[in-house]
PDB file of N, CA and C in Angstrom:
ATOM      1  N   MET A   1     -43.816  19.020  -9.678  1.00  0.00           N
ATOM      2  CA  MET A   1     -43.380  17.743 -10.420  1.00  0.00           C
ATOM      3  C   MET A   1     -44.439  16.937  -9.408  1.00  0.00           C
ATOM      4  N   ASN A   2     -45.408  15.918 -10.434  1.00  0.00           N
ATOM      5  CA  ASN A   2     -46.330  15.228 -10.152  1.00  0.00           C
ATOM      6  C   ASN A   2     -45.687  14.124  -9.593  1.00  0.00           C
ATOM      7  N   PRO A   3     -46.064  13.607  -9.199  1.00  0.00           N
ATOM      8  CA  PRO A   3     -45.012  12.166  -8.184  1.00  0.00           C
ATOM      9  C   PRO A   3     -45.267  11.109  -9.144  1.00  0.00           C
ATOM     10  N   ARG A   4     -45.960  11.153 -10.014  1.00  0.00           N
ATOM     11  CA  ARG A   4     -46.005  10.262 -11.047  1.00  0.00           C
ATOM     12  C   ARG A   4     -44.723  10.248 -11.985  1.00  0.00           C
ATOM     13  N   ALA A   5     -44.877  11.463 -13.012  1.00  0.00           N
ATOM     14  CA  ALA A   5     -43.643  11.641 -13.288  1.00  0.00           C
ATOM     15  C   ALA A   5     -42.019  11.234 -12.390  1.00  0.00           C
ATOM     16  N   HIS A   6     -42.317  11.956 -10.361  1.00  0.00           N
ATOM     17  CA  HIS A   6     -40.934  11.328 -10.291  1.00  0.00           C
ATOM     18  C   HIS A   6     -40.921  10.079 -10.059  1.00  0.00           C
ATOM     19  N   ASP A   7     -41.538   9.375  -9.987  1.00  0.00           N
ATOM     20  CA  ASP A   7     -41.612   7.594  -9.508  1.00  0.00           C
ATOM     21  C   ASP A   7     -40.698   7.284 -10.740  1.00  0.00           C
ATOM     22  N   ASP A   8     -41.302   7.973 -12.595  1.00  0.00           N
ATOM     23  CA  ASP A   8     -40.896   7.486 -13.606  1.00  0.00           C
ATOM     24  C   ASP A   8     -39.362   6.972 -14.015  1.00  0.00           C
ATOM     25  N   LEU A   9     -39.029   9.188 -13.296  1.00  0.00           N
ATOM     26  CA  LEU A   9     -37.826   9.007 -13.564  1.00  0.00           C
ATOM     27  C   LEU A   9     -37.027   8.405 -12.281  1.00  0.00           C
ATOM     28  N   THR A  10     -37.417   8.305 -11.268  1.00  0.00           N
ATOM     29  CA  THR A  10     -36.123   7.157 -10.308  1.00  0.00           C
ATOM     30  C   THR A  10     -36.786   6.204 -11.013  1.00  0.00           C
ATOM     31  N   LYS A  11     -37.261   5.393 -11.524  1.00  0.00           N
ATOM     32  CA  LYS A  11     -37.273   3.996 -12.525  1.00  0.00           C
ATOM     33  C   LYS A  11     -36.370   3.781 -13.365  1.00  0.00           C
ATOM     34  N   GLN A  12     -36.542   5.102 -14.131  1.00  0.00           N
ATOM     35  CA  GLN A  12     -35.707   5.158 -15.440  1.00  0.00           C
ATOM     36  C   GLN A  12     -33.894   4.943 -14.538  1.00  0.00           C
ATOM     37  N   CYS A  13     -34.360   6.296 -14.312  1.00  0.00           N
ATOM     38  CA  CYS A  13     -32.616   6.213 -13.873  1.00  0.00           C
ATOM     39  C   CYS A  13     -32.065   4.625 -12.578  1.00  0.00           C
ATOM     40  N   GLU A  14     -32.366   4.341 -11.802  1.00  0.00           N
ATOM     41  CA  GLU A  14     -32.357   3.087 -11.623  1.00  0.00           C
ATOM     42  C   GLU A  14     -31.573   1.955 -13.060  1.00  0.00           C
ATOM     43  N   GLU A  15     -33.000   1.577 -13.970  1.00  0.00           N
ATOM     44  CA  GLU A  15     -32.410   1.047 -15.062  1.00  0.00           C
ATOM     45  C   GLU A  15     -31.483   1.447 -15.397  1.00  0.00           C
ATOM     46  N   GLU A  16     -31.127   2.665 -15.793  1.00  0.00           N
ATOM     47  CA  GLU A  16     -29.825   3.201 -16.127  1.00  0.00           C
ATOM     48  C   GLU A  16     -28.386   2.860 -15.619  1.00  0.00           C
ATOM     49  N   LYS A  17     -29.016   2.650 -14.095  1.00  0.00           N
ATOM     50  CA  LYS A  17     -27.607   2.475 -13.564  1.00  0.00           C
ATOM     51  C   LYS A  17     -27.375   1.347 -13.680  1.00  0.00           C
ATOM     52  N   GLU A  18     -27.965   0.508 -12.767  1.00  0.00           N
ATOM     53  CA  GLU A  18     -28.279  -1.615 -13.610  1.00  0.00           C
ATOM     54  C   GLU A  18     -27.402  -1.570 -15.403  1.00  0.00           C
ATOM     55  N   LYS A  19     -27.623  -0.923 -16.772  1.00  0.00           N
ATOM     56  CA  LYS A  19     -26.957  -0.960 -17.496  1.00  0.00           C
ATOM     57  C   LYS A  19     -25.204  -0.108 -17.240  1.00  0.00           C
ATOM     58  N   PHE A  20     -25.408   0.790 -16.612  1.00  0.00           N
ATOM     59  CA  PHE A  20     -24.080   1.133 -16.220  1.00  0.00           C
ATOM     60  C   PHE A  20     -23.196   0.330 -15.915  1.00  0.00           C
ATOM     61  N   SER A  21     -23.554  -0.057 -14.667  1.00  0.00           N
ATOM     62  CA  SER A  21     -22.805  -0.864 -14.190  1.00  0.00           C
ATOM     63  C   SER A  21     -22.729  -2.100 -14.616  1.00  0.00           C
ATOM     64  N   GLU A  22     -23.628  -3.543 -15.856  1.00  0.00           N
ATOM     65  CA  GLU A  22     -22.999  -3.968 -15.586  1.00  0.00           C
ATOM     66  C   GLU A  22     -21.873  -3.865 -17.002  1.00  0.00           C
ATOM     67  N   PHE A  23     -22.385  -2.158 -18.434  1.00  0.00           N
ATOM     68  CA  PHE A  23     -21.194  -2.412 -18.786  1.00  0.00           C
ATOM     69  C   PHE A  23     -20.054  -1.757 -18.456  1.00  0.00           C
ATOM     70  N   GLU A  24     -19.572  -1.132 -16.670  1.00  0.00           N
ATOM     71  CA  GLU A  24     -18.346  -1.370 -16.422  1.00  0.00           C
ATOM     72  C   GLU A  24     -17.657  -3.196 -15.948  1.00  0.00           C
ATOM     73  N   LYS A  25     -18.381  -3.518 -15.634  1.00  0.00           N
ATOM     74  CA  LYS A  25     -18.445  -4.917 -15.467  1.00  0.00           C
ATOM     75  C   LYS A  25     -17.652  -5.128 -16.767  1.00  0.00           C
ATOM     76  N   SER A  26     -18.373  -5.694 -17.723  1.00  0.00           N
ATOM     77  CA  SER A  26     -17.548  -6.599 -19.390  1.00  0.00           C
ATOM     78  C   SER A  26     -16.158  -5.231 -19.081  1.00  0.00           C
ATOM     79  N   GLU A  27     -16.717  -4.713 -19.210  1.00  0.00           N
ATOM     80  CA  GLU A  27     -15.504  -3.433 -19.465  1.00  0.00           C
ATOM     81  C   GLU A  27     -13.969  -3.317 -19.175  1.00  0.00           C
ATOM     82  N   VAL A  28     -14.135  -3.985 -17.840  1.00  0.00           N
ATOM     83  CA  VAL A  28     -13.381  -5.042 -16.492  1.00  0.00           C
ATOM     84  C   VAL A  28     -12.898  -6.532 -17.861  1.00  0.00           C
ATOM     85  N   LYS A  29     -14.115  -7.153 -17.967  1.00  0.00           N
ATOM     86  CA  LYS A  29     -13.326  -8.170 -18.262  1.00  0.00           C
ATOM     87  C   LYS A  29     -12.969  -8.019 -19.092  1.00  0.00           C
ATOM     88  N   MET A  30     -12.653  -6.889 -20.356  1.00  0.00           N
ATOM     89  CA  MET A  30     -12.220  -6.755 -21.711  1.00  0.00           C
ATOM     90  C   MET A  30     -10.066  -7.506 -21.453  1.00  0.00           C
ATOM     91  N   ARG A  31     -10.995  -5.493 -20.706  1.00  0.00           N
ATOM     92  CA  ARG A  31      -9.380  -4.875 -20.389  1.00  0.00           C
ATOM     93  C   ARG A  31      -8.558  -6.350 -19.572  1.00  0.00           C
ATOM     94  N   GLU A  32      -8.897  -7.056 -18.819  1.00  0.00           N
ATOM     95  CA  GLU A  32      -8.059  -8.201 -18.365  1.00  0.00           C
ATOM     96  C   GLU A  32      -7.780  -9.302 -19.577  1.00  0.00           C
ATOM     97  N   ASP A  33      -8.428  -9.801 -20.383  1.00  0.00           N
ATOM     98  CA  ASP A  33      -8.132 -10.234 -21.559  1.00  0.00           C
ATOM     99  C   ASP A  33      -7.374  -9.609 -22.558  1.00  0.00           C
ATOM    100  N   LEU A  34      -7.749  -8.754 -22.774  1.00  0.00           N
ATOM    101  CA  LEU A  34      -6.602  -7.647 -22.854  1.00  0.00           C
ATOM    102  C   LEU A  34      -4.807  -8.119 -22.614  1.00  0.00           C
ATOM    103  N   LYS A  35      -5.149  -7.704 -21.277  1.00  0.00           N
ATOM    104  CA  LYS A  35      -3.725  -7.664 -20.544  1.00  0.00           C
ATOM    105  C   LYS A  35      -3.050  -8.795 -20.528  1.00  0.00           C
ATOM    106  N   HIS A  36      -4.248  -9.839 -20.584  1.00  0.00           N
ATOM    107  CA  HIS A  36      -3.305 -11.436 -20.383  1.00  0.00           C
ATOM    108  C   HIS A  36      -2.857 -11.602 -21.569  1.00  0.00           C
ATOM    109  N   ALA A  37      -3.997 -11.380 -23.082  1.00  0.00           N
ATOM    110  CA  ALA A  37      -3.144 -11.512 -24.386  1.00  0.00           C
ATOM    111  C   ALA A  37      -2.082 -10.911 -24.282  1.00  0.00           C
ATOM    112  N   LYS A  38      -1.459  -9.496 -24.210  1.00  0.00           N
ATOM    113  CA  LYS A  38      -0.719  -8.881 -24.699  1.00  0.00           C
ATOM    114  C   LYS A  38       0.248  -9.732 -23.672  1.00  0.00           C
ATOM    115  N   ASN A  39       0.251 -10.407 -22.185  1.00  0.00           N
ATOM    116  CA  ASN A  39       1.492 -10.467 -21.347  1.00  0.00           C
ATOM    117  C   ASN A  39       1.865 -12.406 -22.492  1.00  0.00           C
ATOM    118  N   LYS A  40       0.802 -12.512 -23.021  1.00  0.00           N
ATOM    119  CA  LYS A  40       1.502 -14.324 -23.633  1.00  0.00           C
ATOM    120  C   LYS A  40       1.301 -13.804 -24.835  1.00  0.00           C
ATOM    121  N   ALA A  41       1.429 -12.952 -25.392  1.00  0.00           N
ATOM    122  CA  ALA A  41       2.595 -12.413 -26.728  1.00  0.00           C
ATOM    123  C   ALA A  41       3.367 -12.231 -25.951  1.00  0.00           C
ATOM    124  N   LYS A  42       3.987 -11.431 -25.269  1.00  0.00           N
ATOM    125  CA  LYS A  42       4.906 -11.520 -24.459  1.00  0.00           C
ATOM    126  C   LYS A  42       6.065 -12.831 -24.232  1.00  0.00           C
ATOM    127  N   LYS A  43       5.768 -13.564 -24.000  1.00  0.00           N
ATOM    128  CA  LYS A  43       6.082 -14.674 -23.286  1.00  0.00           C
ATOM    129  C   LYS A  43       6.718 -15.550 -24.576  1.00  0.00           C
ATOM    130  N   LEU A  44       5.793 -15.605 -25.709  1.00  0.00           N
ATOM    131  CA  LEU A  44       6.197 -16.201 -27.321  1.00  0.00           C
ATOM    132  C   LEU A  44       6.759 -15.474 -27.463  1.00  0.00           C
ATOM    133  N   ASP A  45       7.139 -14.064 -28.149  1.00  0.00           N
ATOM    134  CA  ASP A  45       7.841 -13.784 -27.964  1.00  0.00           C
ATOM    135  C   ASP A  45       9.488 -13.808 -27.740  1.00  0.00           C
ATOM    136  N   LYS A  46       9.135 -14.129 -25.752  1.00  0.00           N
ATOM    137  CA  LYS A  46      10.582 -14.203 -25.740  1.00  0.00           C
ATOM    138  C   LYS A  46      11.046 -15.956 -25.801  1.00  0.00           C
ATOM    139  N   THR A  47       9.796 -16.708 -25.861  1.00  0.00           N
ATOM    140  CA  THR A  47      10.079 -18.299 -26.280  1.00  0.00           C
ATOM    141  C   THR A  47      10.659 -17.520 -27.439  1.00  0.00           C
ATOM    142  N   VAL A  48      10.186 -17.464 -28.500  1.00  0.00           N
ATOM    143  CA  VAL A  48      11.306 -17.249 -29.730  1.00  0.00           C
ATOM    144  C   VAL A  48      12.192 -17.337 -29.934  1.00  0.00           C
ATOM    145  N   GLU A  49      12.311 -15.227 -28.839  1.00  0.00           N
ATOM    146  CA  GLU A  49      13.929 -15.305 -29.717  1.00  0.00           C
ATOM    147  C   GLU A  49      14.650 -16.235 -28.790  1.00  0.00           C
ATOM    148  N   THR A  50      14.366 -17.023 -27.424  1.00  0.00           N
ATOM    149  CA  THR A  50      15.828 -17.948 -26.744  1.00  0.00           C
ATOM    150  C   THR A  50      16.036 -19.242 -27.684  1.00  0.00           C
ATOM    151  N   GLU A  51      14.602 -19.219 -28.448  1.00  0.00           N
ATOM    152  CA  GLU A  51      15.086 -20.483 -29.558  1.00  0.00           C
ATOM    153  C   GLU A  51      15.710 -20.359 -30.648  1.00  0.00           C
ATOM    154  N   ARG A  52      15.313 -19.029 -31.446  1.00  0.00           N
ATOM    155  CA  ARG A  52      16.340 -18.314 -32.210  1.00  0.00           C
ATOM    156  C   ARG A  52      17.657 -18.827 -32.196  1.00  0.00           C
ATOM    157  N   LYS A  53      18.349 -17.955 -31.053  1.00  0.00           N
ATOM    158  CA  LYS A  53      19.407 -17.955 -29.574  1.00  0.00           C
ATOM    159  C   LYS A  53      20.492 -19.832 -30.344  1.00  0.00           C
ATOM    160  N   LYS A  54      18.810 -20.651 -29.963  1.00  0.00           N
ATOM    161  CA  LYS A  54      19.261 -22.069 -29.453  1.00  0.00           C
ATOM    162  C   LYS A  54      19.728 -22.662 -31.103  1.00  0.00           C
ATOM    163  N   VAL A  55      18.401 -22.512 -32.028  1.00  0.00           N
ATOM    164  CA  VAL A  55      18.617 -23.721 -33.021  1.00  0.00           C
ATOM    165  C   VAL A  55      18.915 -22.762 -33.988  1.00  0.00           C
ATOM    166  N   GLY A  56      18.843 -23.614 -35.819  1.00  0.00           N
ATOM    167  CA  GLY A  56      18.744 -22.297 -36.420  1.00  0.00           C
ATOM    168  C   GLY A  56      16.824 -22.161 -36.860  1.00  0.00           C
ATOM    169  N   ASP A  57      16.494 -21.285 -37.976  1.00  0.00           N
ATOM    170  CA  ASP A  57      15.455 -20.727 -38.474  1.00  0.00           C
ATOM    171  C   ASP A  57      14.939 -22.103 -38.933  1.00  0.00           C
ATOM    172  N   GLY A  58      14.931 -22.755 -39.633  1.00  0.00           N
ATOM    173  CA  GLY A  58      13.756 -24.034 -39.712  1.00  0.00           C
ATOM    174  C   GLY A  58      13.298 -24.753 -38.398  1.00  0.00           C
ATOM    175  N   PHE A  59      13.593 -24.679 -37.374  1.00  0.00           N
ATOM    176  CA  PHE A  59      13.369 -25.699 -36.424  1.00  0.00           C
ATOM    177  C   PHE A  59      12.218 -24.420 -35.509  1.00  0.00           C
ATOM    178  N   LEU A  60      13.049 -22.936 -35.898  1.00  0.00           N
ATOM    179  CA  LEU A  60      12.628 -22.411 -35.244  1.00  0.00           C
ATOM    180  C   LEU A  60      10.727 -22.141 -35.799  1.00  0.00           C
ATOM    181  N   LEU A  61      10.813 -21.745 -37.501  1.00  0.00           N
ATOM    182  CA  LEU A  61       9.689 -21.609 -37.938  1.00  0.00           C
ATOM    183  C   LEU A  61       9.005 -22.507 -37.282  1.00  0.00           C
ATOM    184  N   MET A  62       9.221 -23.857 -37.263  1.00  0.00           N
ATOM    185  CA  MET A  62       7.657 -24.748 -37.101  1.00  0.00           C
ATOM    186  C   MET A  62       7.473 -24.465 -35.631  1.00  0.00           C
ATOM    187  N   LEU A  63       8.367 -24.581 -34.636  1.00  0.00           N
ATOM    188  CA  LEU A  63       8.045 -23.931 -33.168  1.00  0.00           C
ATOM    189  C   LEU A  63       7.151 -22.403 -33.452  1.00  0.00           C
ATOM    190  N   TYR A  64       7.644 -21.478 -33.820  1.00  0.00           N
ATOM    191  CA  TYR A  64       6.453 -20.202 -33.433  1.00  0.00           C
ATOM    192  C   TYR A  64       5.441 -20.784 -34.258  1.00  0.00           C
ATOM    193  N   VAL A  65       4.845 -21.170 -35.824  1.00  0.00           N
ATOM    194  CA  VAL A  65       4.444 -21.271 -36.241  1.00  0.00           C
ATOM    195  C   VAL A  65       2.451 -22.483 -34.695  1.00  0.00           C
ATOM    196  N   ALA A  66       4.043 -23.485 -34.303  1.00  0.00           N
ATOM    197  CA  ALA A  66       3.134 -24.361 -33.031  1.00  0.00           C
ATOM    198  C   ALA A  66       2.907 -23.424 -32.391  1.00  0.00           C
ATOM    199  N   LEU A  67       3.275 -22.104 -31.545  1.00  0.00           N
ATOM    200  CA  LEU A  67       3.229 -21.452 -30.286  1.00  0.00           C
ATOM    201  C   LEU A  67       1.836 -20.460 -30.837  1.00  0.00           C
ATOM    202  N   ILE A  68       2.101 -20.327 -31.967  1.00  0.00           N
ATOM    203  CA  ILE A  68       0.719 -19.291 -32.014  1.00  0.00           C
ATOM    204  C   ILE A  68      -0.560 -19.825 -32.334  1.00  0.00           C
ATOM    205  N   LYS A  69      -0.215 -20.841 -33.199  1.00  0.00           N
ATOM    206  CA  LYS A  69      -1.563 -21.834 -33.634  1.00  0.00           C
ATOM    207  C   LYS A  69      -2.620 -21.599 -32.562  1.00  0.00           C
ATOM    208  N   ASP A  70      -2.803 -21.594 -31.268  1.00  0.00           N
ATOM    209  CA  ASP A  70      -3.497 -21.582 -29.625  1.00  0.00           C
ATOM    210  C   ASP A  70      -4.074 -20.125 -29.570  1.00  0.00           C
ATOM    211  N   ALA A  71      -2.870 -18.769 -30.053  1.00  0.00           N
ATOM    212  CA  ALA A  71      -2.780 -17.991 -29.030  1.00  0.00           C
ATOM    213  C   ALA A  71      -2.889 -16.443 -29.897  1.00  0.00           C
ATOM    214  N   MET A  72      -3.324 -16.435 -30.732  1.00  0.00           N
ATOM    215  CA  MET A  72      -4.008 -15.801 -31.620  1.00  0.00           C
ATOM    216  C   MET A  72      -5.874 -16.361 -32.773  1.00  0.00           C
ATOM    217  N   PRO A  73      -5.692 -15.640 -33.057  1.00  0.00           N
ATOM    218  CA  PRO A  73      -7.106 -15.893 -34.576  1.00  0.00           C
ATOM    219  C   PRO A  73      -6.280 -15.974 -35.535  1.00  0.00           C
ATOM    220  N   VAL A  74      -7.394 -16.678 -36.655  1.00  0.00           N
ATOM    221  CA  VAL A  74      -6.142 -17.021 -38.628  1.00  0.00           C
ATOM    222  C   VAL A  74      -5.966 -15.850 -38.667  1.00  0.00           C
ATOM    223  N   SER A  75      -6.536 -14.623 -38.717  1.00  0.00           N
ATOM    224  CA  SER A  75      -6.356 -13.582 -39.623  1.00  0.00           C
ATOM    225  C   SER A  75      -4.827 -13.092 -38.798  1.00  0.00           C
ATOM    226  N   PHE A  76      -4.747 -12.901 -37.943  1.00  0.00           N
ATOM    227  CA  PHE A  76      -3.225 -13.231 -37.038  1.00  0.00           C
ATOM    228  C   PHE A  76      -2.712 -13.196 -38.021  1.00  0.00           C
ATOM    229  N   ARG A  77      -2.514 -14.829 -37.158  1.00  0.00           N
ATOM    230  CA  ARG A  77      -1.770 -15.799 -37.485  1.00  0.00           C
ATOM    231  C   ARG A  77      -0.915 -15.518 -39.165  1.00  0.00           C
ATOM    232  N   SER A  78      -1.635 -15.875 -40.144  1.00  0.00           N
ATOM    233  CA  SER A  78      -1.392 -15.044 -41.191  1.00  0.00           C
ATOM    234  C   SER A  78      -0.830 -14.021 -41.203  1.00  0.00           C
ATOM    235  N   ALA A  79      -0.626 -13.344 -41.000  1.00  0.00           N
ATOM    236  CA  ALA A  79       0.221 -11.678 -41.383  1.00  0.00           C
ATOM    237  C   ALA A  79       1.276 -12.448 -40.172  1.00  0.00           C
ATOM    238  N   LEU A  80       1.349 -12.441 -39.524  1.00  0.00           N
ATOM    239  CA  LEU A  80       2.229 -12.885 -38.092  1.00  0.00           C
ATOM    240  C   LEU A  80       3.612 -13.845 -39.112  1.00  0.00           C
ATOM    241  N   PHE A  81       2.861 -15.026 -40.105  1.00  0.00           N
ATOM    242  CA  PHE A  81       3.873 -16.069 -40.417  1.00  0.00           C
ATOM    243  C   PHE A  81       4.219 -14.912 -41.820  1.00  0.00           C
ATOM    244  N   THR A  82       3.766 -14.471 -42.544  1.00  0.00           N
ATOM    245  CA  THR A  82       4.184 -13.742 -43.845  1.00  0.00           C
ATOM    246  C   THR A  82       4.877 -12.919 -43.237  1.00  0.00           C
ATOM    247  N   SER A  83       5.012 -11.800 -42.177  1.00  0.00           N
ATOM    248  CA  SER A  83       5.537 -11.381 -41.711  1.00  0.00           C
ATOM    249  C   SER A  83       7.459 -11.912 -41.265  1.00  0.00           C
ATOM    250  N   TYR A  84       6.740 -13.111 -40.324  1.00  0.00           N
ATOM    251  CA  TYR A  84       8.134 -13.685 -40.196  1.00  0.00           C
ATOM    252  C   TYR A  84       8.811 -14.828 -41.674  1.00  0.00           C
ATOM    253  N   ILE A  85       8.008 -15.174 -41.822  1.00  0.00           N
ATOM    254  CA  ILE A  85       8.581 -15.350 -43.882  1.00  0.00           C
ATOM    255  C   ILE A  85       9.722 -14.420 -44.418  1.00  0.00           C
ATOM    256  N   LEU A  86       9.018 -13.317 -44.694  1.00  0.00           N
ATOM    257  CA  LEU A  86       9.651 -12.041 -45.090  1.00  0.00           C
ATOM    258  C   LEU A  86      11.037 -11.767 -44.228  1.00  0.00           C
ATOM    259  N   THR A  87      10.872 -12.063 -43.028  1.00  0.00           N
ATOM    260  CA  THR A  87      12.092 -11.669 -42.009  1.00  0.00           C
ATOM    261  C   THR A  87      13.757 -12.740 -41.947  1.00  0.00           C
ATOM    262  N   ILE A  88      12.909 -13.912 -42.825  1.00  0.00           N
ATOM    263  CA  ILE A  88      14.144 -14.580 -42.433  1.00  0.00           C
ATOM    264  C   ILE A  88      14.658 -14.480 -43.873  1.00  0.00           C
ATOM    265  N   PHE A  89      13.978 -14.016 -45.177  1.00  0.00           N
ATOM    266  CA  PHE A  89      14.286 -14.271 -46.350  1.00  0.00           C
ATOM    267  C   PHE A  89      15.687 -13.138 -46.025  1.00  0.00           C
ATOM    268  N   LYS A  90      15.169 -12.048 -46.115  1.00  0.00           N
ATOM    269  CA  LYS A  90      15.955 -11.151 -45.897  1.00  0.00           C
ATOM    270  C   LYS A  90      16.913 -10.383 -45.319  1.00  0.00           C
ATOM    271  N   GLN A  91      16.855 -11.891 -43.955  1.00  0.00           N
ATOM    272  CA  GLN A  91      18.058 -11.682 -43.693  1.00  0.00           C
ATOM    273  C   GLN A  91      19.877 -12.838 -44.078  1.00  0.00           C
TER     274      GLN A  91
END
């Protein structure tokens, strides 16, 4: 192998290592964000269950909507809201 081809391959290898390193960093951040979101969802569920035991469903519905307002994207909120309403009326 000639020296120039070797240098080109070495340079390309280093560039790919840097790209992979950046990818690993972004993956770690995404995993941490996902873990945080799951923990937050568990905490919200626990809060809702505690409040359900304390008060009636009308107040709980307002609390639940207030809790999930900032915790989830709009599409998830509307799906959860609909699911929760159906759950209340089935009881």
